[in-house]
C-alpha atoms as a PDB file:
ATOM      1  CA  MET A   1      27.120  -0.235 -50.410  1.00  0.00           C
ATOM      2  CA  ASN A   2      26.213  -2.995 -52.881  1.00  0.00           C
ATOM      3  CA  LEU A   3      26.737  -6.708 -52.291  1.00  0.00           C
ATOM      4  CA  THR A   4      30.097  -6.917 -54.078  1.00  0.00           C
ATOM      5  CA  GLU A   5      31.389  -3.903 -52.151  1.00  0.00           C
ATOM      6  CA  GLN A   6      30.329  -5.573 -48.897  1.00  0.00           C
ATOM      7  CA  VAL A   7      32.057  -8.816 -49.932  1.00  0.00           C
ATOM      8  CA  LEU A   8      35.214  -6.816 -50.694  1.00  0.00           C
ATOM      9  CA  HIS A   9      35.018  -5.153 -47.280  1.00  0.00           C
ATOM     10  CA  VAL A  10      34.836  -8.550 -45.549  1.00  0.00           C
ATOM     11  CA  LEU A  11      37.593  -9.921 -47.800  1.00  0.00           C
ATOM     12  CA  ASP A  12      39.847  -6.981 -46.972  1.00  0.00           C
ATOM     13  CA  SER A  13      39.236  -7.413 -43.265  1.00  0.00           C
ATOM     14  CA  ALA A  14      39.525 -11.226 -43.144  1.00  0.00           C
ATOM     15  CA  LEU A  15      42.753 -11.315 -45.148  1.00  0.00           C
ATOM     16  CA  ARG A  16      44.152  -8.113 -43.649  1.00  0.00           C
ATOM     17  CA  LEU A  17      44.756  -6.630 -47.081  1.00  0.00           C
ATOM     18  CA  GLN A  18      44.934  -3.065 -45.722  1.00  0.00           C
ATOM     19  CA  GLY A  19      42.633  -1.521 -48.329  1.00  0.00           C
ATOM     20  CA  ARG A  20      44.007  -3.317 -51.387  1.00  0.00           C
ATOM     21  CA  THR A  21      40.508  -4.465 -52.310  1.00  0.00           C
ATOM     22  CA  THR A  22      39.561  -0.915 -53.320  1.00  0.00           C
ATOM     23  CA  GLU A  23      41.207  -1.721 -56.663  1.00  0.00           C
ATOM     24  CA  PHE A  24      39.435  -5.098 -57.058  1.00  0.00           C
ATOM     25  CA  THR A  25      36.576  -5.717 -59.505  1.00  0.00           C
ATOM     26  CA  ARG A  26      34.262  -8.709 -59.993  1.00  0.00           C
ATOM     27  CA  ASP A  27      36.860 -10.102 -62.416  1.00  0.00           C
ATOM     28  CA  THR A  28      39.766  -9.941 -59.949  1.00  0.00           C
ATOM     29  CA  PRO A  29      41.105 -13.481 -59.402  1.00  0.00           C
ATOM     30  CA  LEU A  30      41.397 -14.662 -55.817  1.00  0.00           C
ATOM     31  CA  LEU A  31      42.385 -18.296 -55.269  1.00  0.00           C
ATOM     32  CA  GLY A  32      45.926 -18.751 -56.525  1.00  0.00           C
ATOM     33  CA  ALA A  33      46.343 -15.021 -57.120  1.00  0.00           C
ATOM     34  CA  LEU A  34      46.337 -13.810 -53.513  1.00  0.00           C
ATOM     35  CA  PRO A  35      49.032 -15.433 -51.388  1.00  0.00           C
ATOM     36  CA  GLU A  36      47.048 -14.387 -48.304  1.00  0.00           C
ATOM     37  CA  LEU A  37      44.158 -16.660 -49.341  1.00  0.00           C
ATOM     38  CA  ASP A  38      45.331 -19.949 -47.852  1.00  0.00           C
ATOM     39  CA  SER A  39      43.194 -22.658 -46.225  1.00  0.00           C
ATOM     40  CA  MET A  40      43.041 -20.886 -42.864  1.00  0.00           C
ATOM     41  CA  ALA A  41      42.153 -17.598 -44.536  1.00  0.00           C
ATOM     42  CA  VAL A  42      39.329 -19.321 -46.439  1.00  0.00           C
ATOM     43  CA  LEU A  43      37.805 -20.353 -43.105  1.00  0.00           C
ATOM     44  CA  ALA A  44      38.188 -16.835 -41.707  1.00  0.00           C
ATOM     45  CA  LEU A  45      36.652 -15.393 -44.862  1.00  0.00           C
ATOM     46  CA  LEU A  46      33.669 -17.758 -44.781  1.00  0.00           C
ATOM     47  CA  THR A  47      33.068 -16.992 -41.113  1.00  0.00           C
ATOM     48  CA  GLY A  48      33.343 -13.272 -41.793  1.00  0.00           C
ATOM     49  CA  LEU A  49      30.852 -13.470 -44.663  1.00  0.00           C
ATOM     50  CA  GLU A  50      28.418 -15.547 -42.615  1.00  0.00           C
ATOM     51  CA  ASN A  51      28.589 -13.080 -39.727  1.00  0.00           C
ATOM     52  CA  HIS A  52      28.369  -9.981 -41.911  1.00  0.00           C
ATOM     53  CA  PHE A  53      25.424 -11.162 -43.994  1.00  0.00           C
ATOM     54  CA  GLY A  54      23.707 -13.359 -41.393  1.00  0.00           C
ATOM     55  CA  ILE A  55      23.875 -16.384 -43.693  1.00  0.00           C
ATOM     56  CA  THR A  56      25.060 -19.965 -43.588  1.00  0.00           C
ATOM     57  CA  PHE A  57      26.824 -21.661 -46.470  1.00  0.00           C
ATOM     58  CA  ASN A  58      25.990 -25.201 -47.568  1.00  0.00           C
ATOM     59  CA  ASP A  59      29.039 -27.477 -47.655  1.00  0.00           C
ATOM     60  CA  GLU A  60      28.273 -28.501 -51.242  1.00  0.00           C
ATOM     61  CA  ASP A  61      28.344 -24.851 -52.375  1.00  0.00           C
ATOM     62  CA  VAL A  62      31.770 -24.124 -50.943  1.00  0.00           C
ATOM     63  CA  ASN A  63      34.457 -25.301 -53.346  1.00  0.00           C
ATOM     64  CA  GLY A  64      37.445 -23.910 -55.168  1.00  0.00           C
ATOM     65  CA  SER A  65      35.371 -22.397 -57.955  1.00  0.00           C
ATOM     66  CA  ALA A  66      33.523 -20.214 -55.429  1.00  0.00           C
ATOM     67  CA  PHE A  67      36.857 -18.540 -54.639  1.00  0.00           C
ATOM     68  CA  ALA A  68      38.013 -18.147 -58.242  1.00  0.00           C
ATOM     69  CA  SER A  69      37.207 -14.436 -58.384  1.00  0.00           C
ATOM     70  CA  VAL A  70      35.504 -11.631 -56.542  1.00  0.00           C
ATOM     71  CA  GLY A  71      32.476 -12.216 -58.761  1.00  0.00           C
ATOM     72  CA  SER A  72      32.193 -15.923 -57.985  1.00  0.00           C
ATOM     73  CA  LEU A  73      32.528 -15.203 -54.264  1.00  0.00           C
ATOM     74  CA  SER A  74      29.837 -12.522 -54.506  1.00  0.00           C
ATOM     75  CA  ASP A  75      27.615 -14.994 -56.376  1.00  0.00           C
ATOM     76  CA  LEU A  76      28.083 -17.528 -53.561  1.00  0.00           C
ATOM     77  CA  VAL A  77      26.908 -14.938 -51.038  1.00  0.00           C
ATOM     78  CA  GLU A  78      23.990 -13.937 -53.256  1.00  0.00           C
ATOM     79  CA  GLN A  79      22.863 -17.566 -53.546  1.00  0.00           C
ATOM     80  CA  ALA A  80      23.053 -18.043 -49.772  1.00  0.00           C
ATOM     81  CA  LEU A  81      21.017 -14.869 -49.241  1.00  0.00           C
ATOM     82  CA  ALA A  82      18.394 -16.023 -51.750  1.00  0.00           C
ATOM     83  CA  ARG A  83      18.020 -19.368 -49.946  1.00  0.00           C
ATOM     84  CA  GLN A  84      17.235 -17.557 -46.716  1.00  0.00           C
ATOM     85  CA  ASP A  85      14.510 -15.335 -48.137  1.00  0.00           C
ATOM     86  CA  PRO A  86      11.029 -16.577 -47.182  1.00  0.00           C
END
Protein backbone atom coordinates (compact mmCIF):
# COMPACT_ATOMS: atom_id res chain seq x y z
CA MET A 1 0.00 0.00 0.00
CA ASN A 2 1.55 3.33 -1.04
CA LEU A 3 1.47 6.51 1.02
CA THR A 4 -1.61 7.99 -0.68
CA GLU A 5 -3.51 4.73 -0.25
CA GLN A 6 -2.61 4.73 3.45
CA VAL A 7 -3.75 8.36 3.78
CA LEU A 8 -7.04 7.41 2.11
CA HIS A 9 -7.47 4.50 4.52
CA VAL A 10 -7.02 6.82 7.52
CA LEU A 11 -9.30 9.43 5.92
CA ASP A 12 -12.01 6.84 5.33
CA SER A 13 -11.77 5.62 8.90
CA ALA A 14 -11.55 9.04 10.59
CA LEU A 15 -14.49 10.49 8.66
CA ARG A 16 -16.47 7.24 8.61
CA LEU A 17 -16.87 7.40 4.85
CA GLN A 18 -17.69 3.68 4.59
CA GLY A 19 -15.33 2.95 1.68
CA ARG A 20 -16.09 6.04 -0.40
CA THR A 21 -12.39 6.85 -0.60
CA THR A 22 -11.82 3.91 -2.95
CA GLU A 23 -12.95 6.27 -5.72
CA PHE A 24 -10.70 9.16 -4.59
CA THR A 25 -7.53 10.22 -6.41
CA ARG A 26 -4.79 12.71 -5.49
CA ASP A 27 -6.88 15.38 -7.23
CA THR A 28 -10.05 14.73 -5.20
CA PRO A 29 -10.95 17.92 -3.29
CA LEU A 30 -11.49 17.58 0.44
CA LEU A 31 -12.03 20.79 2.41
CA GLY A 32 -15.31 22.31 1.29
CA ALA A 33 -16.16 19.27 -0.83
CA LEU A 34 -16.73 16.72 1.94
CA PRO A 35 -19.40 17.78 4.42
CA GLU A 36 -17.94 15.25 6.87
CA LEU A 37 -14.67 17.22 7.02
CA ASP A 38 -15.55 19.78 9.69
CA SER A 39 -13.27 21.19 12.40
CA MET A 40 -13.74 18.21 14.72
CA ALA A 41 -13.12 15.78 11.87
CA VAL A 42 -9.89 17.62 11.00
CA LEU A 43 -8.63 16.93 14.52
CA ALA A 44 -9.64 13.27 14.30
CA LEU A 45 -7.97 12.99 10.91
CA LEU A 46 -4.72 14.58 12.12
CA THR A 47 -4.65 12.30 15.15
CA GLY A 48 -5.35 9.28 12.97
CA LEU A 49 -2.54 10.20 10.57
CA GLU A 50 -0.10 10.82 13.41
CA ASN A 51 -0.93 7.46 14.99
CA HIS A 52 -0.88 5.53 11.72
CA PHE A 53 2.41 6.93 10.47
CA GLY A 54 4.10 7.56 13.83
CA ILE A 55 4.61 11.23 13.00
CA THR A 56 3.92 14.61 14.53
CA PHE A 57 2.74 17.60 12.54
CA ASN A 58 4.16 21.09 13.07
CA ASP A 59 1.48 23.68 13.79
CA GLU A 60 2.78 25.93 11.00
CA ASP A 61 2.35 23.12 8.45
CA VAL A 62 -1.29 22.47 9.28
CA ASN A 63 -3.50 24.96 7.46
CA GLY A 64 -6.42 24.95 5.09
CA SER A 65 -4.26 24.37 2.02
CA ALA A 66 -3.03 21.07 3.49
CA PHE A 67 -6.63 19.81 3.35
CA ALA A 68 -7.41 21.12 -0.14
CA SER A 69 -7.10 17.70 -1.78
CA VAL A 70 -6.01 14.15 -1.20
CA GLY A 71 -2.70 15.06 -2.82
CA SER A 72 -2.01 18.02 -0.56
CA LEU A 73 -2.86 15.93 2.50
CA SER A 74 -0.55 13.16 1.29
CA ASP A 75 2.19 15.76 0.73
CA LEU A 76 1.75 16.98 4.32
CA VAL A 77 2.27 13.43 5.59
CA GLU A 78 5.26 12.93 3.29
CA GLN A 79 6.89 16.11 4.60
CA ALA A 80 6.34 15.05 8.22
CA LEU A 81 7.85 11.63 7.47
CA ALA A 82 10.88 13.24 5.80
CA ARG A 83 11.49 15.45 8.85
CA GLN A 84 11.65 12.38 11.06
CA ASP A 85 14.19 10.50 8.98
CA PRO A 86 17.68 10.63 10.53
